[in-house]
C-alpha atoms as a PDB file:
ATOM      1  CA  MET A   1     -36.670  -4.625 -24.940  1.00  0.00           C
ATOM      2  CA  PRO A   2     -33.318  -5.070 -23.153  1.00  0.00           C
ATOM      3  CA  PRO A   3     -33.401  -5.369 -19.363  1.00  0.00           C
ATOM      4  CA  VAL A   4     -32.693  -2.275 -17.336  1.00  0.00           C
ATOM      5  CA  VAL A   5     -29.393  -2.499 -15.451  1.00  0.00           C
ATOM      6  CA  ARG A   6     -29.504  -0.605 -12.211  1.00  0.00           C
ATOM      7  CA  ALA A   7     -26.392   0.806 -10.606  1.00  0.00           C
ATOM      8  CA  ALA A   8     -25.540  -0.440  -7.143  1.00  0.00           C
ATOM      9  CA  ALA A   9     -26.965   1.741  -4.414  1.00  0.00           C
ATOM     10  CA  ARG A  10     -24.498   4.117  -2.809  1.00  0.00           C
ATOM     11  CA  PRO A  11     -23.755   2.830   0.702  1.00  0.00           C
ATOM     12  CA  SER A  12     -24.942   4.892   3.637  1.00  0.00           C
ATOM     13  CA  THR A  13     -22.637   6.479   6.170  1.00  0.00           C
ATOM     14  CA  LEU A  14     -23.885   3.912   8.697  1.00  0.00           C
ATOM     15  CA  MET A  15     -22.912   1.069   6.335  1.00  0.00           C
ATOM     16  CA  LEU A  16     -19.417   2.475   5.901  1.00  0.00           C
ATOM     17  CA  ALA A  17     -19.067   3.017   9.650  1.00  0.00           C
ATOM     18  CA  ALA A  18     -20.162  -0.582  10.306  1.00  0.00           C
ATOM     19  CA  THR A  19     -17.652  -1.761   7.700  1.00  0.00           C
ATOM     20  CA  LEU A  20     -14.805   0.116   9.382  1.00  0.00           C
ATOM     21  CA  ALA A  21     -15.844  -1.153  12.826  1.00  0.00           C
ATOM     22  CA  TYR A  22     -15.988  -4.756  11.591  1.00  0.00           C
ATOM     23  CA  ILE A  23     -12.562  -4.536   9.962  1.00  0.00           C
ATOM     24  CA  ALA A  24     -11.071  -2.902  13.062  1.00  0.00           C
ATOM     25  CA  LEU A  25     -12.495  -5.710  15.188  1.00  0.00           C
ATOM     26  CA  ILE A  26     -11.180  -8.613  13.114  1.00  0.00           C
ATOM     27  CA  VAL A  27      -7.796  -7.060  12.337  1.00  0.00           C
ATOM     28  CA  GLY A  28      -7.341  -5.937  15.945  1.00  0.00           C
ATOM     29  CA  GLY A  29      -8.154  -9.459  17.121  1.00  0.00           C
ATOM     30  CA  MET A  30      -5.635 -10.963  14.716  1.00  0.00           C
ATOM     31  CA  LEU A  31      -2.880  -8.583  15.792  1.00  0.00           C
ATOM     32  CA  TRP A  32      -3.706  -9.241  19.449  1.00  0.00           C
ATOM     33  CA  ARG A  33      -3.122 -12.939  18.758  1.00  0.00           C
ATOM     34  CA  GLY A  34       0.106 -12.144  16.916  1.00  0.00           C
ATOM     35  CA  ILE A  35      -1.222 -12.875  13.415  1.00  0.00           C
ATOM     36  CA  VAL A  36      -0.516 -10.591  10.460  1.00  0.00           C
ATOM     37  CA  ALA A  37      -3.726  -9.810   8.549  1.00  0.00           C
ATOM     38  CA  THR A  38      -2.585 -10.718   5.028  1.00  0.00           C
ATOM     39  CA  PRO A  39      -4.742 -10.525   1.865  1.00  0.00           C
ATOM     40  CA  ASP A  40      -5.372 -14.282   1.725  1.00  0.00           C
ATOM     41  CA  TYR A  41      -6.970 -14.113   5.189  1.00  0.00           C
ATOM     42  CA  LEU A  42      -8.809 -10.876   4.479  1.00  0.00           C
ATOM     43  CA  LEU A  43     -10.461 -12.087   1.277  1.00  0.00           C
ATOM     44  CA  LEU A  44     -12.595 -14.492   3.319  1.00  0.00           C
ATOM     45  CA  LEU A  45     -12.972 -12.270   6.373  1.00  0.00           C
ATOM     46  CA  LEU A  46     -14.294  -9.340   4.331  1.00  0.00           C
ATOM     47  CA  ALA A  47     -16.834 -11.425   2.381  1.00  0.00           C
ATOM     48  CA  PRO A  48     -19.641 -10.816   4.960  1.00  0.00           C
ATOM     49  CA  ILE A  49     -19.521  -7.125   4.070  1.00  0.00           C
ATOM     50  CA  ALA A  50     -20.312  -7.978   0.451  1.00  0.00           C
ATOM     51  CA  LEU A  51     -23.202 -10.168   1.632  1.00  0.00           C
ATOM     52  CA  LEU A  52     -24.517  -7.373   3.846  1.00  0.00           C
ATOM     53  CA  ALA A  53     -24.293  -4.925   0.942  1.00  0.00           C
ATOM     54  CA  GLY A  54     -26.196  -7.371  -1.294  1.00  0.00           C
ATOM     55  CA  ARG A  55     -23.333  -7.497  -3.813  1.00  0.00           C
ATOM     56  CA  PHE A  56     -21.761 -10.887  -3.253  1.00  0.00           C
ATOM     57  CA  LYS A  57     -21.648 -11.845  -6.960  1.00  0.00           C
ATOM     58  CA  ALA A  58     -19.955  -8.547  -7.771  1.00  0.00           C
ATOM     59  CA  TRP A  59     -17.571  -9.235  -4.883  1.00  0.00           C
ATOM     60  CA  LEU A  60     -16.545 -12.529  -6.440  1.00  0.00           C
ATOM     61  CA  THR A  61     -16.170 -10.950  -9.871  1.00  0.00           C
ATOM     62  CA  ASP A  62     -14.085  -7.990  -8.690  1.00  0.00           C
ATOM     63  CA  TRP A  63     -12.250  -9.126  -5.579  1.00  0.00           C
ATOM     64  CA  VAL A  64     -11.162 -12.690  -6.248  1.00  0.00           C
ATOM     65  CA  PRO A  65      -9.121 -11.573  -9.307  1.00  0.00           C
ATOM     66  CA  PHE A  66      -7.838  -8.532  -7.382  1.00  0.00           C
ATOM     67  CA  ILE A  67      -6.551 -10.640  -4.461  1.00  0.00           C
ATOM     68  CA  ALA A  68      -5.268 -13.380  -6.772  1.00  0.00           C
ATOM     69  CA  LEU A  69      -3.219 -10.857  -8.744  1.00  0.00           C
ATOM     70  CA  LEU A  70      -1.952  -9.323  -5.515  1.00  0.00           C
ATOM     71  CA  LEU A  71      -0.824 -12.697  -4.172  1.00  0.00           C
ATOM     72  CA  LEU A  72       0.814 -13.553  -7.496  1.00  0.00           C
ATOM     73  CA  TRP A  73       2.658 -10.232  -7.459  1.00  0.00           C
ATOM     74  CA  GLU A  74       3.811 -10.831  -3.876  1.00  0.00           C
ATOM     75  CA  GLY A  75       5.226 -14.194  -4.945  1.00  0.00           C
ATOM     76  CA  MET A  76       7.096 -12.604  -7.848  1.00  0.00           C
ATOM     77  CA  ARG A  77       8.395  -9.789  -5.668  1.00  0.00           C
ATOM     78  CA  SER A  78       9.815 -12.256  -3.175  1.00  0.00           C
ATOM     79  CA  VAL A  79      12.236 -13.657  -5.766  1.00  0.00           C
ATOM     80  CA  ALA A  80      12.843 -10.479  -7.775  1.00  0.00           C
ATOM     81  CA  TYR A  81      16.288  -9.769  -6.355  1.00  0.00           C
ATOM     82  CA  ARG A  82      17.489 -13.263  -7.328  1.00  0.00           C
ATOM     83  CA  PHE A  83      17.086 -12.313 -10.982  1.00  0.00           C
ATOM     84  CA  ALA A  84      18.675  -8.896 -10.632  1.00  0.00           C
ATOM     85  CA  ALA A  85      21.309  -8.249 -13.277  1.00  0.00           C
ATOM     86  CA  THR A  86      23.209  -5.883 -10.996  1.00  0.00           C
ATOM     87  CA  GLY A  87      24.520  -5.964  -7.463  1.00  0.00           C
ATOM     88  CA  VAL A  88      22.733  -4.277  -4.591  1.00  0.00           C
ATOM     89  CA  HIS A  89      22.615  -0.498  -4.927  1.00  0.00           C
ATOM     90  CA  TRP A  90      22.770   1.592  -1.778  1.00  0.00           C
ATOM     91  CA  GLY A  91      19.831   3.583  -3.030  1.00  0.00           C
ATOM     92  CA  ASN A  92      19.080   6.995  -1.654  1.00  0.00           C
ATOM     93  CA  LEU A  93      21.662   6.953   1.140  1.00  0.00           C
ATOM     94  CA  ARG A  94      24.009   9.528  -0.379  1.00  0.00           C
ATOM     95  CA  PRO A  95      21.297  11.759  -1.898  1.00  0.00           C
ATOM     96  CA  GLU A  96      19.482  11.796   1.438  1.00  0.00           C
ATOM     97  CA  LEU A  97      22.645  12.755   3.338  1.00  0.00           C
ATOM     98  CA  ALA A  98      23.256  15.531   0.826  1.00  0.00           C
ATOM     99  CA  LEU A  99      19.660  16.753   1.045  1.00  0.00           C
ATOM    100  CA  PHE A 100      19.572  16.834   4.854  1.00  0.00           C
ATOM    101  CA  GLY A 101      23.014  18.250   5.506  1.00  0.00           C
ATOM    102  CA  GLY A 102      24.736  14.991   6.411  1.00  0.00           C
ATOM    103  CA  HIS A 103      21.933  13.763   8.690  1.00  0.00           C
ATOM    104  CA  LEU A 104      19.410  10.989   8.107  1.00  0.00           C
ATOM    105  CA  PRO A 105      15.793  11.679   9.129  1.00  0.00           C
ATOM    106  CA  GLY A 106      15.321   8.084  10.301  1.00  0.00           C
ATOM    107  CA  ILE A 107      18.150   8.362  12.804  1.00  0.00           C
ATOM    108  CA  ALA A 108      16.957  11.817  13.851  1.00  0.00           C
ATOM    109  CA  LEU A 109      13.444  10.502  14.559  1.00  0.00           C
ATOM    110  CA  GLN A 110      14.757   7.582  16.606  1.00  0.00           C
ATOM    111  CA  GLN A 111      17.041   9.883  18.584  1.00  0.00           C
ATOM    112  CA  LEU A 112      14.169  12.300  19.172  1.00  0.00           C
ATOM    113  CA  ALA A 113      11.994   9.496  20.552  1.00  0.00           C
ATOM    114  CA  ALA A 114      14.834   8.294  22.778  1.00  0.00           C
ATOM    115  CA  ALA A 115      15.493  11.798  24.087  1.00  0.00           C
ATOM    116  CA  GLY A 116      11.805  12.142  24.971  1.00  0.00           C
ATOM    117  CA  HIS A 117      11.823   8.735  26.713  1.00  0.00           C
ATOM    118  CA  VAL A 118       9.090   7.477  24.377  1.00  0.00           C
ATOM    119  CA  ALA A 119      11.192   5.167  22.191  1.00  0.00           C
ATOM    120  CA  GLY A 120       9.298   2.054  23.330  1.00  0.00           C
ATOM    121  CA  LEU A 121       5.931   3.619  22.592  1.00  0.00           C
ATOM    122  CA  ALA A 122       7.125   5.037  19.275  1.00  0.00           C
ATOM    123  CA  ASP A 123       8.507   1.630  18.292  1.00  0.00           C
ATOM    124  CA  ARG A 124       5.177  -0.082  18.973  1.00  0.00           C
ATOM    125  CA  LEU A 125       3.113   2.587  17.230  1.00  0.00           C
ATOM    126  CA  ALA A 126       5.308   2.714  14.133  1.00  0.00           C
ATOM    127  CA  SER A 127       5.486  -1.079  13.958  1.00  0.00           C
ATOM    128  CA  GLY A 128       1.716  -1.282  14.337  1.00  0.00           C
ATOM    129  CA  VAL A 129       1.256   1.100  11.416  1.00  0.00           C
ATOM    130  CA  ASP A 130       3.636  -1.020   9.354  1.00  0.00           C
ATOM    131  CA  LEU A 131       1.811  -4.260  10.222  1.00  0.00           C
ATOM    132  CA  LEU A 132      -1.483  -2.645   9.192  1.00  0.00           C
ATOM    133  CA  HIS A 133      -0.195  -2.157   5.651  1.00  0.00           C
ATOM    134  CA  PHE A 134      -2.281  -4.961   4.142  1.00  0.00           C
ATOM    135  CA  PRO A 135      -5.542  -4.421   6.053  1.00  0.00           C
ATOM    136  CA  ALA A 136      -5.369  -0.643   5.584  1.00  0.00           C
ATOM    137  CA  THR A 137      -4.704  -0.976   1.850  1.00  0.00           C
ATOM    138  CA  LEU A 138      -7.555  -3.451   1.388  1.00  0.00           C
ATOM    139  CA  THR A 139      -9.874  -1.394   3.576  1.00  0.00           C
ATOM    140  CA  LEU A 140      -9.321   1.620   1.334  1.00  0.00           C
ATOM    141  CA  ALA A 141      -9.951  -0.593  -1.695  1.00  0.00           C
ATOM    142  CA  LEU A 142     -13.158  -1.904  -0.114  1.00  0.00           C
ATOM    143  CA  LEU A 143     -14.427   1.593   0.651  1.00  0.00           C
ATOM    144  CA  ILE A 144     -13.741   2.573  -2.952  1.00  0.00           C
ATOM    145  CA  TRP A 145     -15.534  -0.536  -4.242  1.00  0.00           C
ATOM    146  CA  LEU A 146     -18.566   0.068  -2.035  1.00  0.00           C
ATOM    147  CA  SER A 147     -18.768   3.712  -3.138  1.00  0.00           C
ATOM    148  CA  GLY A 148     -18.252   3.229  -6.869  1.00  0.00           C
ATOM    149  CA  ARG A 149     -17.318   0.185  -8.929  1.00  0.00           C
ATOM    150  CA  GLU A 150     -15.967   2.205 -11.868  1.00  0.00           C
ATOM    151  CA  GLN A 151     -13.609   4.053  -9.554  1.00  0.00           C
ATOM    152  CA  PHE A 152     -12.557   0.735  -8.023  1.00  0.00           C
ATOM    153  CA  LEU A 153     -11.642  -0.580 -11.475  1.00  0.00           C
ATOM    154  CA  ARG A 154      -9.573   2.560 -12.126  1.00  0.00           C
ATOM    155  CA  TYR A 155      -7.950   2.161  -8.723  1.00  0.00           C
ATOM    156  CA  SER A 156      -7.182  -1.515  -9.450  1.00  0.00           C
ATOM    157  CA  ALA A 157      -5.569  -0.611 -12.773  1.00  0.00           C
ATOM    158  CA  ALA A 158      -3.427   2.081 -11.145  1.00  0.00           C
ATOM    159  CA  PHE A 159      -2.617  -0.246  -8.236  1.00  0.00           C
ATOM    160  CA  PHE A 160      -1.197  -2.966 -10.450  1.00  0.00           C
ATOM    161  CA  ALA A 161       0.478  -0.507 -12.817  1.00  0.00           C
ATOM    162  CA  THR A 162       2.357   0.864  -9.813  1.00  0.00           C
ATOM    163  CA  ALA A 163       3.157  -2.629  -8.520  1.00  0.00           C
ATOM    164  CA  VAL A 164       4.435  -3.927 -11.868  1.00  0.00           C
ATOM    165  CA  ALA A 165       6.551  -0.820 -12.488  1.00  0.00           C
ATOM    166  CA  ALA A 166       8.060  -1.196  -9.014  1.00  0.00           C
ATOM    167  CA  LEU A 167       8.740  -4.891  -9.633  1.00  0.00           C
ATOM    168  CA  LEU A 168      10.706  -4.047 -12.769  1.00  0.00           C
ATOM    169  CA  ILE A 169      12.837  -1.635 -10.782  1.00  0.00           C
ATOM    170  CA  PHE A 170      13.359  -4.209  -8.021  1.00  0.00           C
ATOM    171  CA  VAL A 171      14.775  -6.542 -10.690  1.00  0.00           C
ATOM    172  CA  LEU A 172      16.789  -3.973 -12.639  1.00  0.00           C
ATOM    173  CA  LEU A 173      18.058  -1.956  -9.688  1.00  0.00           C
ATOM    174  CA  PRO A 174      17.637  -3.621  -6.270  1.00  0.00           C
ATOM    175  CA  THR A 175      18.069  -0.893  -3.666  1.00  0.00           C
ATOM    176  CA  ALA A 176      18.948  -1.313  -0.021  1.00  0.00           C
ATOM    177  CA  PRO A 177      16.817   0.172   2.772  1.00  0.00           C
ATOM    178  CA  PRO A 178      18.452   2.092   5.636  1.00  0.00           C
ATOM    179  CA  TRP A 179      18.480  -0.903   8.005  1.00  0.00           C
ATOM    180  CA  TYR A 180      20.356  -2.960   5.386  1.00  0.00           C
ATOM    181  CA  ALA A 181      22.967  -0.212   5.045  1.00  0.00           C
ATOM    182  CA  ALA A 182      23.259  -0.092   8.836  1.00  0.00           C
ATOM    183  CA  GLU A 183      23.827  -3.850   9.038  1.00  0.00           C
ATOM    184  CA  HIS A 184      26.621  -3.479   6.479  1.00  0.00           C
ATOM    185  CA  GLY A 185      28.337  -0.676   8.377  1.00  0.00           C
ATOM    186  CA  LEU A 186      27.419   2.244   6.118  1.00  0.00           C
ATOM    187  CA  ILE A 187      25.123   3.824   8.732  1.00  0.00           C
ATOM    188  CA  HIS A 188      25.706   4.115  12.451  1.00  0.00           C
ATOM    189  CA  GLY A 189      23.097   4.768  15.123  1.00  0.00           C
ATOM    190  CA  LEU A 190      20.045   3.378  13.306  1.00  0.00           C
ATOM    191  CA  ARG A 191      18.054   0.573  14.936  1.00  0.00           C
ATOM    192  CA  HIS A 192      16.187  -1.997  12.855  1.00  0.00           C
ATOM    193  CA  VAL A 193      13.055  -1.644  14.939  1.00  0.00           C
ATOM    194  CA  MET A 194      10.951  -4.339  13.270  1.00  0.00           C
ATOM    195  CA  THR A 195      13.354  -7.028  14.467  1.00  0.00           C
ATOM    196  CA  GLU A 196      12.994  -5.791  18.066  1.00  0.00           C
ATOM    197  CA  VAL A 197       9.214  -5.691  18.237  1.00  0.00           C
ATOM    198  CA  MET A 198       6.656  -8.450  18.867  1.00  0.00           C
ATOM    199  CA  PRO A 199       7.055 -11.699  16.912  1.00  0.00           C
ATOM    200  CA  MET A 200       4.215 -12.195  14.447  1.00  0.00           C
ATOM    201  CA  ARG A 201       2.775 -15.233  12.681  1.00  0.00           C
ATOM    202  CA  TRP A 202       2.150 -15.097   8.947  1.00  0.00           C
ATOM    203  CA  SER A 203      -0.230 -17.137   6.826  1.00  0.00           C
ATOM    204  CA  TYR A 204       1.114 -20.317   5.247  1.00  0.00           C
ATOM    205  CA  TYR A 205       1.392 -18.572   1.858  1.00  0.00           C
ATOM    206  CA  TYR A 206       3.267 -15.524   3.136  1.00  0.00           C
ATOM    207  CA  GLY A 207       5.359 -17.675   5.442  1.00  0.00           C
ATOM    208  CA  SER A 208       6.547 -19.642   2.406  1.00  0.00           C
ATOM    209  CA  LEU A 209       7.718 -16.504   0.581  1.00  0.00           C
ATOM    210  CA  ASP A 210      11.283 -15.256   0.678  1.00  0.00           C
ATOM    211  CA  PRO A 211      11.204 -11.586   1.764  1.00  0.00           C
ATOM    212  CA  ASN A 212      12.968  -9.206  -0.607  1.00  0.00           C
ATOM    213  CA  PRO A 213      15.508  -7.271   1.505  1.00  0.00           C
ATOM    214  CA  VAL A 214      16.474  -4.856  -1.275  1.00  0.00           C
ATOM    215  CA  ALA A 215      13.187  -3.382  -2.493  1.00  0.00           C
ATOM    216  CA  ALA A 216      13.399   0.034  -0.868  1.00  0.00           C
ATOM    217  CA  ASP A 217      12.901   2.373  -3.803  1.00  0.00           C
ATOM    218  CA  PRO A 218      10.132   3.067  -4.659  1.00  0.00           C
ATOM    219  CA  SER A 219       8.328   2.635  -1.365  1.00  0.00           C
ATOM    220  CA  LEU A 220       5.117   0.741  -2.058  1.00  0.00           C
ATOM    221  CA  HIS A 221       4.143   1.181   1.594  1.00  0.00           C
ATOM    222  CA  SER A 222       3.953   4.869   0.684  1.00  0.00           C
ATOM    223  CA  ALA A 223       2.507   4.539  -2.817  1.00  0.00           C
ATOM    224  CA  LEU A 224      -0.440   2.177  -2.302  1.00  0.00           C
ATOM    225  CA  PRO A 225      -2.301   4.038   0.464  1.00  0.00           C
ATOM    226  CA  PHE A 226      -1.779   7.259  -1.491  1.00  0.00           C
ATOM    227  CA  LEU A 227      -3.537   5.636  -4.445  1.00  0.00           C
ATOM    228  CA  GLY A 228      -6.423   4.951  -2.080  1.00  0.00           C
ATOM    229  CA  TYR A 229      -6.530   8.632  -1.196  1.00  0.00           C
ATOM    230  CA  LEU A 230      -6.497   9.653  -4.865  1.00  0.00           C
ATOM    231  CA  ALA A 231      -9.461   7.367  -5.572  1.00  0.00           C
ATOM    232  CA  LEU A 232     -11.472   8.321  -2.484  1.00  0.00           C
ATOM    233  CA  ARG A 233     -11.030  12.089  -2.563  1.00  0.00           C
ATOM    234  CA  THR A 234     -13.766  12.580  -5.172  1.00  0.00           C
ATOM    235  CA  LEU A 235     -16.010   9.706  -4.068  1.00  0.00           C
ATOM    236  CA  ARG A 236     -15.961  10.373  -0.327  1.00  0.00           C
ATOM    237  CA  PRO A 237     -14.059  13.584   0.473  1.00  0.00           C
ATOM    238  CA  ARG A 238     -14.137  13.061   4.252  1.00  0.00           C
ATOM    239  CA  LEU A 239     -12.823   9.528   3.916  1.00  0.00           C
ATOM    240  CA  GLY A 240     -10.302  10.890   1.454  1.00  0.00           C
ATOM    241  CA  TRP A 241      -8.922  13.278   4.083  1.00  0.00           C
ATOM    242  CA  ALA A 242      -8.798  10.419   6.585  1.00  0.00           C
ATOM    243  CA  ALA A 243      -6.898   8.341   4.016  1.00  0.00           C
ATOM    244  CA  LEU A 244      -4.421  11.177   3.511  1.00  0.00           C
ATOM    245  CA  ALA A 245      -3.885  11.404   7.275  1.00  0.00           C
ATOM    246  CA  TRP A 246      -3.179   7.666   7.291  1.00  0.00           C
ATOM    247  CA  CYS A 247      -0.685   8.186   4.473  1.00  0.00           C
ATOM    248  CA  GLY A 248       1.127  10.727   6.656  1.00  0.00           C
ATOM    249  CA  LEU A 249       1.371   8.191   9.495  1.00  0.00           C
ATOM    250  CA  VAL A 250       2.735   5.578   7.096  1.00  0.00           C
ATOM    251  CA  TRP A 251       5.329   7.927   5.640  1.00  0.00           C
ATOM    252  CA  VAL A 252       6.663   8.929   9.050  1.00  0.00           C
ATOM    253  CA  SER A 253       6.571   5.346  10.336  1.00  0.00           C
ATOM    254  CA  VAL A 254       8.548   3.749   7.510  1.00  0.00           C
ATOM    255  CA  VAL A 255      11.265   6.387   7.895  1.00  0.00           C
ATOM    256  CA  TYR A 256      11.341   6.002  11.697  1.00  0.00           C
ATOM    257  CA  LEU A 257      11.556   2.211  11.415  1.00  0.00           C
ATOM    258  CA  GLY A 258      14.524   2.434   9.056  1.00  0.00           C
ATOM    259  CA  GLU A 259      12.587   0.667   6.307  1.00  0.00           C
ATOM    260  CA  HIS A 260      12.803   3.555   3.838  1.00  0.00           C
ATOM    261  CA  TYR A 261      14.561   6.827   3.182  1.00  0.00           C
ATOM    262  CA  VAL A 262      12.473   9.969   2.762  1.00  0.00           C
ATOM    263  CA  LEU A 263      13.378   9.940  -0.928  1.00  0.00           C
ATOM    264  CA  ASP A 264      12.001   6.387  -1.231  1.00  0.00           C
ATOM    265  CA  VAL A 265       8.708   7.736   0.081  1.00  0.00           C
ATOM    266  CA  VAL A 266       8.762  10.621  -2.404  1.00  0.00           C
ATOM    267  CA  THR A 267       9.481   8.224  -5.271  1.00  0.00           C
ATOM    268  CA  GLY A 268       6.604   5.981  -4.186  1.00  0.00           C
ATOM    269  CA  ILE A 269       4.217   8.943  -4.153  1.00  0.00           C
ATOM    270  CA  GLY A 270       5.474   9.950  -7.592  1.00  0.00           C
ATOM    271  CA  PHE A 271       4.823   6.448  -8.955  1.00  0.00           C
ATOM    272  CA  ALA A 272       1.278   6.547  -7.571  1.00  0.00           C
ATOM    273  CA  LEU A 273       0.605   9.938  -9.171  1.00  0.00           C
ATOM    274  CA  LEU A 274       1.968   8.820 -12.535  1.00  0.00           C
ATOM    275  CA  ALA A 275      -0.058   5.596 -12.494  1.00  0.00           C
ATOM    276  CA  TRP A 276      -3.244   7.391 -11.474  1.00  0.00           C
ATOM    277  CA  GLY A 277      -2.727  10.037 -14.142  1.00  0.00           C
ATOM    278  CA  ALA A 278      -2.066   7.414 -16.826  1.00  0.00           C
ATOM    279  CA  VAL A 279      -5.200   5.462 -15.899  1.00  0.00           C
ATOM    280  CA  ALA A 280      -7.260   8.673 -15.879  1.00  0.00           C
ATOM    281  CA  LEU A 281      -6.018   9.570 -19.377  1.00  0.00           C
ATOM    282  CA  ALA A 282      -6.729   6.049 -20.627  1.00  0.00           C
ATOM    283  CA  SER A 283     -10.239   6.158 -19.120  1.00  0.00           C
ATOM    284  CA  ARG A 284     -10.984   9.466 -20.853  1.00  0.00           C
ATOM    285  CA  ALA A 285      -9.678   8.137 -24.166  1.00  0.00           C
ATOM    286  CA  LEU A 286     -11.832   5.007 -23.926  1.00  0.00           C
ATOM    287  CA  SER A 287     -14.916   7.033 -23.018  1.00  0.00           C
ATOM    288  CA  VAL A 288     -14.704   9.307 -26.087  1.00  0.00           C
ATOM    289  CA  PRO A 289     -17.467   8.227 -28.510  1.00  0.00           C
ATOM    290  CA  ALA A 290     -16.431   7.138 -31.981  1.00  0.00           C
ATOM    291  CA  ARG A 291     -17.129   9.607 -34.787  1.00  0.00           C
ATOM    292  CA  ALA A 292     -19.918   8.699 -37.115  1.00  0.00           C
ATOM    293  CA  PRO A 293     -18.978   7.879 -40.756  1.00  0.00           C
ATOM    294  CA  GLY A 294     -18.739  11.009 -42.871  1.00  0.00           C
ATOM    295  CA  TRP A 295     -18.387  13.279 -39.809  1.00  0.00           C
ATOM    296  CA  GLN A 296     -16.537  16.470 -40.553  1.00  0.00           C
ATOM    297  CA  ARG A 297     -15.352  19.341 -38.418  1.00  0.00           C
END
């Protein structure tokens, strides 16, 4: 008689709350010390949660490949523009000006903050949201994994489908973000806020990478947390709403910082929806039982 395989117990609300508190503590401590919480750091720092949940072997099986693929993709993305067959495209600059009547939302947000005498605070908050990109993305992934492994595997497939599709675009059509256009004189009045905020230390791996300055469209900062929302909304509806609220903060922040146009954000969301839909269709197709021989309608 084959052994009975039991599904992992659904984590309690207390377990999820403890997980969020632990992550907030370690990530907050790293940022306080001026260290960016990158995936290579977080893989080790999040392992105690797997031990506490009694799923350490599953953690190794699911998360080591996930982080390894993510780090490999980051390395490829850092050199993507070197292999681009075309010159730098100015991206959504003209469409955005046309859509918003000759005004850019990023400049408007910065001017609004300056007029309200809260530019310094807005800079720090938006930069903080941007620096939380990795820990927030991995936290959403961890919450999905704790709540349902099958959903985590779907999320992982959609995650890397989105990342690979974006990488192809970065190679075929490298697009400039607003701050790049400003530095080249195409935009006036936009500050590159991330260069004005606190200096941060990166891990050895990320410090060795060459940042890609022309990977604005699609916005993966916008796409990846939205994938987390799509995966969580059925597993944990309340956490799903919280994830969507975080997405809203990210979308506003990347526009305020001059890292992306609004249309970059929209494209990123569209990529996430397409990837999630494709994975859902593939999952349904794979779950359809085969017809028995001689079956007829």
